[in-house]
Amino acid sequence: MEPSTEFRTLLDLVSPPGQGPPEFQELEARYSWVQDMADCPQSHLRHQEGNIWVHSRMVMEALREELVWQELPPEQREILLLAALLHDIGKPERFFGERGEALAGGHARRGEVLARKILWEMEAPLEVREAVAQLIRFHQEVFRLFESERPDRLIREMSWCVRTDLLWLLAMANARGRVSSNRDELLAAVELFRGAAEEAGCFRRPYPFPSAQSRMEWLRSPHRNPLYPAHDDTRCEMVVLCGLPGSGKSYWAWEHLPDTPAEGYDRVRRRLKLPFGSNEGRVRQEGRERIRVRLRAGESFVFESNALTRDLRSQLVGLAMDYGARVRIVHVEAAPAVRAGWNVDREEAVPVDAFLRMLDRWEFPTALEGHGVEAVVHGDPHLFRPRTLSVRPWGWDGG
């Protein structure tokens, strides 16, 4: 997929043709979110280099100096530079002016969502966007891996969401691209992360679970051996359709699974004659009861839901597995202009303010979340011919 003009402009500023240095002044002048980082100071406990933007620049420069980065394919170098540019974009929202410091807590997860929003609005290729977003999501975990109760478990999970070798490289640049009294301590943590990933067998590959069922059972059982081959006794399949409203989920189900029973929150709203956003508790309760009815009967079916966060999807996945069902997640999305046009044509258009709130918490599903995970991307307003990709932990199948 060819990148949009707007995204191509960003790439040319981050990684100019001819492998020149990033155009830092132009980035600051062009993008308000860069200016927000420039206006936000860092915590004096961990950063003495100044504001967030100064640190981000230093990380990008440190990355370019790494021989391992220089030997990567061009697209991977670009992904890492974009991640370095955006890795602390969640910090300005965490700034506490009255205390004069920016707290780091939660900024990685917030940064993941903000980076996804920015890159989606620029129509960046999904593969690039999600590689960047997941690097941002996990960039702090490298430094605090051994603060976790189960670092071995965490690193196996991470390997199904992000390339651990690229994450290691980003963390190395993040540690070097700062002025801090604990710099050596951070660099040591980076190397411990690499050692732990190599020991777990997932530094240069995702962790090799015996099967999808084994992986899903391991996720539900904290003390289960990840190498144990689970018996697959699933008796039906629940297809979870998720994504931003107005992206073509119902059309996808109608076209690809026309003979499969369908449930969903929108269907509940129509049955109860409730407007969008009204009495959501009742809508969710009835929607889940419809799921249970299908699962008790051992029926395969489609469940359509925005399910924009990992927490919401995990609730649906857990419910399905409690009844012995396999879970196929199909995430449907559309380019901004396409989605806006289709939303107008909906039976009940989603209000702009409601959509923006959803966009502000959008978490794309990773390969870890279901037995199978797919992405469907509508990029042309005149064609219902989306790209369909299987979401893999280290790559994408499809076109």
Protein backbone atom coordinates (compact mmCIF):
# COMPACT_ATOMS: atom_id res chain seq x y z
CA MET A 1 0.00 0.00 0.00
CA GLU A 2 1.39 3.38 -1.04
CA PRO A 3 1.64 5.87 1.86
CA SER A 4 -0.46 9.02 1.69
CA THR A 5 1.15 12.36 0.84
CA GLU A 6 0.81 13.55 4.43
CA PHE A 7 2.45 10.45 5.86
CA ARG A 8 5.15 10.53 3.20
CA THR A 9 5.94 14.09 4.28
CA LEU A 10 6.36 12.94 7.88
CA LEU A 11 8.64 10.09 6.78
CA ASP A 12 10.79 12.46 4.71
CA LEU A 13 11.22 14.73 7.72
CA VAL A 14 12.05 11.87 10.07
CA SER A 15 14.25 10.00 7.61
CA PRO A 16 15.22 12.32 4.74
CA PRO A 17 16.20 10.80 1.38
CA GLY A 18 19.91 10.11 1.27
CA GLN A 19 19.95 9.07 4.95
CA GLY A 20 20.38 12.62 6.19
CA PRO A 21 19.55 13.61 9.78
CA PRO A 22 15.92 14.28 10.76
CA GLU A 23 14.56 17.76 10.01
CA PHE A 24 13.96 18.70 13.64
CA GLN A 25 13.11 22.36 13.08
CA GLU A 26 10.57 21.53 10.37
CA LEU A 27 8.99 18.85 12.54
CA GLU A 28 8.53 21.35 15.36
CA ALA A 29 7.13 24.00 13.03
CA ARG A 30 4.72 21.66 11.23
CA TYR A 31 3.15 19.52 13.98
CA SER A 32 1.34 20.82 17.05
CA TRP A 33 1.99 17.57 18.92
CA VAL A 34 5.74 18.14 18.55
CA GLN A 35 5.28 21.66 19.91
CA ASP A 36 3.37 20.17 22.85
CA MET A 37 6.43 18.05 23.66
CA ALA A 38 8.70 21.07 23.30
CA ASP A 39 6.53 23.00 25.76
CA CYS A 40 6.53 20.23 28.39
CA PRO A 41 9.43 19.84 30.84
CA GLN A 42 10.68 16.46 31.99
CA SER A 43 10.93 15.03 35.48
CA HIS A 44 14.19 16.26 37.01
CA LEU A 45 14.63 12.89 38.69
CA ARG A 46 15.29 11.03 35.42
CA HIS A 47 15.98 13.72 32.83
CA GLN A 48 18.24 16.73 32.97
CA GLU A 49 18.30 17.34 29.23
CA GLY A 50 15.32 19.72 29.31
CA ASN A 51 11.94 19.18 27.73
CA ILE A 52 10.39 16.11 26.13
CA TRP A 53 11.23 17.24 22.61
CA VAL A 54 14.94 17.62 23.41
CA HIS A 55 14.96 14.07 24.79
CA SER A 56 13.07 12.71 21.76
CA ARG A 57 15.61 14.32 19.44
CA MET A 58 18.46 12.80 21.42
CA VAL A 59 16.84 9.37 21.20
CA MET A 60 16.48 9.67 17.42
CA GLU A 61 20.13 10.72 17.14
CA ALA A 62 21.28 7.88 19.41
CA LEU A 63 19.28 5.43 17.31
CA ARG A 64 20.94 6.57 14.10
CA GLU A 65 24.34 5.99 15.67
CA GLU A 66 23.61 2.34 16.43
CA LEU A 67 25.30 -0.01 13.95
CA VAL A 68 22.45 -2.53 14.36
CA TRP A 69 19.96 0.15 13.25
CA GLN A 70 22.11 1.09 10.26
CA GLU A 71 22.07 -2.51 9.04
CA LEU A 72 18.27 -2.89 9.17
CA PRO A 73 16.04 -2.73 6.07
CA PRO A 74 14.83 0.82 5.30
CA GLU A 75 11.23 0.22 6.43
CA GLN A 76 12.39 -1.03 9.83
CA ARG A 77 14.70 1.95 10.25
CA GLU A 78 11.75 4.24 9.53
CA ILE A 79 9.51 2.43 12.01
CA LEU A 80 12.11 2.81 14.76
CA LEU A 81 12.64 6.51 14.02
CA LEU A 82 8.89 7.13 14.13
CA ALA A 83 8.70 5.25 17.43
CA ALA A 84 11.58 7.32 18.81
CA LEU A 85 9.85 10.51 17.68
CA LEU A 86 6.56 9.54 19.29
CA HIS A 87 7.60 7.37 22.25
CA ASP A 88 6.94 10.07 24.88
CA ILE A 89 4.00 11.74 23.17
CA GLY A 90 1.77 10.65 26.05
CA LYS A 91 3.75 12.64 28.62
CA PRO A 92 2.33 16.16 28.11
CA GLU A 93 -1.06 14.92 29.31
CA ARG A 94 0.64 13.61 32.44
CA PHE A 95 2.31 16.91 33.30
CA PHE A 96 1.51 18.31 36.72
CA GLY A 97 2.28 22.00 36.55
CA GLU A 98 1.75 22.72 40.22
CA ARG A 99 4.43 20.14 41.10
CA GLY A 100 6.70 21.09 38.24
CA GLU A 101 7.19 17.59 36.92
CA ALA A 102 5.92 15.17 34.31
CA LEU A 103 5.03 11.81 35.78
CA ALA A 104 5.80 8.78 33.65
CA GLY A 105 3.01 6.56 34.95
CA GLY A 106 0.64 5.58 32.15
CA HIS A 107 2.36 7.63 29.47
CA ALA A 108 3.33 4.59 27.36
CA ARG A 109 -0.21 3.27 27.03
CA ARG A 110 -1.51 6.79 26.44
CA GLY A 111 1.23 7.37 23.88
CA GLU A 112 0.24 4.21 22.02
CA VAL A 113 -3.31 5.54 21.55
CA LEU A 114 -2.20 9.05 20.57
CA ALA A 115 0.36 7.75 18.07
CA ARG A 116 -2.28 5.45 16.53
CA LYS A 117 -4.67 8.40 16.18
CA ILE A 118 -2.05 10.63 14.56
CA LEU A 119 -0.89 7.97 12.11
CA TRP A 120 -4.44 6.85 11.24
CA GLU A 121 -5.40 10.44 10.45
CA MET A 122 -2.32 10.62 8.19
CA GLU A 123 -3.43 7.35 6.52
CA ALA A 124 -0.18 5.61 7.37
CA PRO A 125 -0.09 1.94 6.30
CA LEU A 126 -1.63 -0.19 9.03
CA GLU A 127 1.46 -2.39 9.25
CA VAL A 128 3.70 0.61 9.96
CA ARG A 129 1.22 2.31 12.28
CA GLU A 130 0.77 -0.72 14.50
CA ALA A 131 4.47 -1.57 14.64
CA VAL A 132 5.12 1.97 15.89
CA ALA A 133 2.18 1.92 18.33
CA GLN A 134 3.25 -1.36 19.94
CA LEU A 135 6.85 -0.19 20.32
CA ILE A 136 5.52 2.85 22.17
CA ARG A 137 3.19 0.74 24.31
CA PHE A 138 6.02 -1.47 25.58
CA HIS A 139 9.00 0.90 25.59
CA GLN A 140 8.98 1.32 29.38
CA GLU A 141 8.60 -2.41 30.07
CA VAL A 142 12.20 -3.01 29.00
CA PHE A 143 13.47 -0.97 31.97
CA ARG A 144 11.15 -2.50 34.54
CA LEU A 145 10.85 -6.08 33.32
CA PHE A 146 12.29 -7.50 36.53
CA GLU A 147 9.94 -5.46 38.67
CA SER A 148 7.23 -7.76 37.35
CA GLU A 149 6.18 -10.78 39.42
CA ARG A 150 6.59 -13.00 36.34
CA PRO A 151 9.14 -11.48 33.93
CA ASP A 152 9.30 -14.77 32.01
CA ARG A 153 5.55 -14.63 31.40
CA LEU A 154 5.54 -10.94 30.50
CA ILE A 155 8.29 -11.31 27.93
CA ARG A 156 6.47 -14.20 26.21
CA GLU A 157 3.33 -12.08 25.99
CA MET A 158 5.28 -9.11 24.65
CA SER A 159 6.86 -11.22 21.92
CA TRP A 160 3.40 -11.77 20.42
CA CYS A 161 2.65 -8.03 20.33
CA VAL A 162 5.94 -6.39 19.37
CA ARG A 163 9.26 -7.32 17.82
CA THR A 164 11.46 -7.72 20.87
CA ASP A 165 14.66 -7.14 18.89
CA LEU A 166 13.38 -3.76 17.67
CA LEU A 167 12.07 -2.96 21.15
CA TRP A 168 15.52 -3.69 22.58
CA LEU A 169 17.10 -1.33 20.06
CA LEU A 170 14.61 1.45 20.80
CA ALA A 171 15.23 1.04 24.55
CA MET A 172 18.99 1.22 23.99
CA ALA A 173 18.59 4.54 22.19
CA ASN A 174 16.12 5.74 24.83
CA ALA A 175 18.67 5.08 27.58
CA ARG A 176 21.54 6.72 25.71
CA GLY A 177 19.53 9.70 24.48
CA ARG A 178 19.28 11.45 27.83
CA VAL A 179 21.21 13.24 30.56
CA SER A 180 20.57 11.28 33.72
CA SER A 181 22.38 9.99 36.80
CA ASN A 182 20.88 6.51 36.27
CA ARG A 183 21.87 6.16 32.60
CA ASP A 184 24.22 3.22 33.26
CA GLU A 185 21.52 1.51 35.30
CA LEU A 186 19.08 1.83 32.39
CA LEU A 187 21.60 0.46 29.91
CA ALA A 188 22.18 -2.52 32.19
CA ALA A 189 18.40 -3.11 32.31
CA VAL A 190 18.30 -3.08 28.51
CA GLU A 191 20.90 -5.84 28.32
CA LEU A 192 19.10 -7.84 31.01
CA PHE A 193 15.97 -7.59 28.86
CA ARG A 194 17.81 -8.98 25.87
CA GLY A 195 19.24 -11.83 27.94
CA ALA A 196 15.81 -12.69 29.33
CA ALA A 197 14.26 -12.69 25.85
CA GLU A 198 17.01 -14.92 24.49
CA GLU A 199 16.64 -17.31 27.43
CA ALA A 200 12.87 -17.47 26.87
CA GLY A 201 13.42 -18.19 23.18
CA CYS A 202 11.71 -15.05 21.92
CA PHE A 203 14.34 -12.42 21.15
CA ARG A 204 14.45 -12.89 17.41
CA ARG A 205 11.06 -14.56 17.08
CA PRO A 206 7.69 -14.75 18.86
CA TYR A 207 7.46 -17.36 21.57
CA PRO A 208 6.67 -20.74 19.88
CA PHE A 209 3.50 -21.95 21.60
CA PRO A 210 2.52 -25.47 20.46
CA SER A 211 -0.81 -24.23 19.06
CA ALA A 212 -3.30 -21.38 19.19
CA GLN A 213 -5.35 -23.29 21.77
CA SER A 214 -2.24 -23.83 23.90
CA ARG A 215 -1.51 -20.09 23.78
CA MET A 216 -5.05 -19.11 24.72
CA GLU A 217 -5.20 -21.61 27.60
CA TRP A 218 -1.79 -20.41 28.85
CA LEU A 219 -3.05 -16.82 28.92
CA ARG A 220 -5.97 -17.87 31.12
CA SER A 221 -3.84 -19.96 33.51
CA PRO A 222 -0.98 -18.10 35.25
CA HIS A 223 0.90 -21.27 36.25
CA ARG A 224 0.40 -23.31 33.08
CA ASN A 225 3.50 -24.59 31.26
CA PRO A 226 3.68 -22.62 27.97
CA LEU A 227 5.06 -25.69 26.18
CA TYR A 228 2.12 -27.91 27.17
CA PRO A 229 0.09 -28.87 24.07
CA ALA A 230 -3.53 -28.18 24.98
CA HIS A 231 -6.26 -30.49 23.75
CA ASP A 232 -8.50 -28.53 21.39
CA ASP A 233 -12.03 -29.44 22.42
CA THR A 234 -13.68 -26.26 21.10
CA ARG A 235 -17.15 -26.92 19.70
CA CYS A 236 -18.03 -23.66 17.95
CA GLU A 237 -16.56 -20.32 16.92
CA MET A 238 -17.41 -16.77 17.92
CA VAL A 239 -16.30 -14.15 15.41
CA VAL A 240 -15.77 -10.86 17.24
CA LEU A 241 -16.20 -7.99 14.79
CA CYS A 242 -14.61 -4.86 16.23
CA GLY A 243 -13.43 -1.43 15.14
CA LEU A 244 -14.49 2.20 15.00
CA PRO A 245 -18.16 2.79 14.14
CA GLY A 246 -18.92 3.41 10.49
CA SER A 247 -15.98 1.32 9.25
CA GLY A 248 -17.99 -1.34 7.39
CA LYS A 249 -18.29 -4.13 9.98
CA SER A 250 -21.89 -5.05 9.14
CA TYR A 251 -21.13 -5.09 5.42
CA TRP A 252 -18.15 -7.38 6.01
CA ALA A 253 -20.30 -9.84 7.95
CA TRP A 254 -23.03 -9.73 5.29
CA GLU A 255 -20.53 -10.37 2.50
CA HIS A 256 -18.22 -12.93 4.13
CA LEU A 257 -20.47 -14.79 6.59
CA PRO A 258 -23.96 -14.45 5.10
CA ASP A 259 -25.24 -17.72 6.55
CA THR A 260 -23.80 -17.25 10.04
CA PRO A 261 -26.15 -15.98 12.78
CA ALA A 262 -25.29 -12.48 13.94
CA GLU A 263 -25.60 -10.71 17.26
CA GLY A 264 -24.37 -7.35 18.44
CA TYR A 265 -25.00 -4.28 20.52
CA ASP A 266 -26.45 -2.31 17.61
CA ARG A 267 -29.02 -5.07 17.10
CA VAL A 268 -29.94 -4.86 20.78
CA ARG A 269 -30.36 -1.08 20.50
CA ARG A 270 -32.65 -1.45 17.53
CA ARG A 271 -34.70 -4.13 19.27
CA LEU A 272 -35.04 -1.95 22.39
CA LYS A 273 -35.52 1.21 20.29
CA LEU A 274 -32.71 2.97 22.15
CA PRO A 275 -30.65 5.78 20.56
CA PHE A 276 -26.86 5.43 20.37
CA GLY A 277 -25.24 6.05 23.77
CA SER A 278 -28.50 5.60 25.73
CA ASN A 279 -28.81 3.06 28.57
CA GLU A 280 -25.52 1.35 27.65
CA GLY A 281 -25.64 -0.85 30.75
CA ARG A 282 -28.85 -2.50 29.63
CA VAL A 283 -27.56 -2.83 26.05
CA ARG A 284 -24.38 -4.60 27.22
CA GLN A 285 -26.25 -6.86 29.62
CA GLU A 286 -28.69 -8.01 26.94
CA GLY A 287 -25.93 -8.35 24.37
CA ARG A 288 -23.94 -10.66 26.63
CA GLU A 289 -27.03 -12.73 27.35
CA ARG A 290 -27.49 -13.22 23.60
CA ILE A 291 -23.88 -14.43 23.47
CA ARG A 292 -24.56 -16.96 26.23
CA VAL A 293 -27.64 -18.28 24.44
CA ARG A 294 -25.61 -18.99 21.29
CA LEU A 295 -22.70 -20.50 23.22
CA ARG A 296 -24.90 -22.78 25.33
CA ALA A 297 -26.35 -24.13 22.12
CA GLY A 298 -22.87 -24.68 20.67
CA GLU A 299 -23.63 -22.40 17.71
CA SER A 300 -21.02 -20.52 15.72
CA PHE A 301 -21.99 -16.88 15.28
CA VAL A 302 -20.78 -13.33 14.66
CA PHE A 303 -20.84 -10.74 17.43
CA GLU A 304 -20.53 -7.16 16.24
CA SER A 305 -19.16 -4.68 18.75
CA ASN A 306 -16.87 -1.67 18.63
CA ALA A 307 -14.77 -3.35 21.41
CA LEU A 308 -12.08 -0.73 20.96
CA THR A 309 -10.03 -1.62 24.04
CA ARG A 310 -8.15 -4.76 25.01
CA ASP A 311 -10.13 -4.95 28.24
CA LEU A 312 -13.49 -5.06 26.42
CA ARG A 313 -12.27 -7.65 23.93
CA SER A 314 -10.78 -9.82 26.68
CA GLN A 315 -14.17 -9.94 28.40
CA LEU A 316 -15.79 -11.23 25.20
CA VAL A 317 -12.96 -13.70 24.57
CA GLY A 318 -13.10 -14.99 28.15
CA LEU A 319 -16.86 -15.49 27.93
CA ALA A 320 -16.51 -17.45 24.69
CA MET A 321 -13.75 -19.68 26.05
CA ASP A 322 -15.74 -20.39 29.21
CA TYR A 323 -18.25 -22.14 26.93
CA GLY A 324 -15.63 -23.94 24.84
CA ALA A 325 -15.63 -21.69 21.79
CA ARG A 326 -12.78 -20.64 19.54
CA VAL A 327 -12.43 -16.90 19.00
CA ARG A 328 -11.72 -15.23 15.70
CA ILE A 329 -11.21 -11.47 15.96
CA VAL A 330 -11.84 -9.43 12.82
CA HIS A 331 -10.91 -5.79 13.15
CA VAL A 332 -12.49 -3.64 10.45
CA GLU A 333 -11.30 -0.11 9.77
CA ALA A 334 -11.59 2.52 7.07
CA ALA A 335 -9.56 5.55 6.06
CA PRO A 336 -10.81 8.73 7.78
CA ALA A 337 -12.64 10.15 4.75
CA VAL A 338 -14.20 6.78 3.93
CA ARG A 339 -15.43 6.24 7.48
CA ALA A 340 -16.88 9.77 7.69
CA GLY A 341 -18.86 9.24 4.48
CA TRP A 342 -20.18 5.86 5.53
CA ASN A 343 -21.15 7.17 8.96
CA VAL A 344 -23.46 9.71 7.30
CA ASP A 345 -25.17 6.87 5.45
CA ARG A 346 -25.75 4.80 8.60
CA GLU A 347 -29.28 4.25 9.81
CA GLU A 348 -28.21 6.13 12.92
CA ALA A 349 -25.06 8.20 12.47
CA VAL A 350 -22.63 8.28 15.38
CA PRO A 351 -22.27 11.86 16.66
CA VAL A 352 -18.89 13.47 16.04
CA ASP A 353 -18.16 14.04 19.73
CA ALA A 354 -18.96 10.40 20.54
CA PHE A 355 -16.70 9.21 17.71
CA LEU A 356 -13.81 11.39 18.91
CA ARG A 357 -14.12 9.92 22.40
CA MET A 358 -13.91 6.44 20.89
CA LEU A 359 -10.91 7.38 18.75
CA ASP A 360 -9.23 8.64 21.89
CA ARG A 361 -9.20 5.14 23.44
CA TRP A 362 -8.72 2.96 20.37
CA GLU A 363 -6.45 -0.05 20.96
CA PHE A 364 -5.87 -2.25 17.93
CA PRO A 365 -6.03 -6.03 18.61
CA THR A 366 -2.74 -7.91 18.64
CA ALA A 367 -2.08 -11.48 17.54
CA LEU A 368 -2.13 -12.50 21.21
CA GLU A 369 -5.83 -11.82 21.75
CA GLY A 370 -7.65 -14.56 19.84
CA HIS A 371 -7.14 -17.95 18.23
CA GLY A 372 -6.98 -15.99 15.00
CA VAL A 373 -6.86 -12.23 14.41
CA GLU A 374 -7.50 -10.44 11.11
CA ALA A 375 -7.48 -6.85 9.92
CA VAL A 376 -9.76 -5.56 7.18
CA VAL A 377 -8.88 -2.14 5.77
CA HIS A 378 -11.17 -0.09 3.53
CA GLY A 379 -9.04 2.57 1.88
CA ASP A 380 -11.12 3.63 -1.12
CA PRO A 381 -14.52 5.35 -0.78
CA HIS A 382 -15.66 4.01 -4.15
CA LEU A 383 -14.74 0.36 -3.67
CA PHE A 384 -15.83 -2.28 -1.20
CA ARG A 385 -12.58 -4.11 -1.87
CA PRO A 386 -10.66 -3.95 1.39
CA ARG A 387 -7.22 -5.27 2.11
CA THR A 388 -7.46 -8.28 4.41
CA LEU A 389 -4.49 -9.30 6.51
CA SER A 390 -3.90 -11.99 9.09
CA VAL A 391 -2.37 -10.34 12.12
CA ARG A 392 0.80 -12.22 12.99
CA PRO A 393 3.15 -11.48 15.88
CA TRP A 394 6.08 -10.77 13.56
CA GLY A 395 4.55 -9.83 10.27
CA TRP A 396 1.33 -9.78 8.29
CA ASP A 397 -0.09 -12.23 5.81
CA GLY A 398 -2.34 -10.91 3.08
CA GLY A 399 -2.56 -8.04 0.67
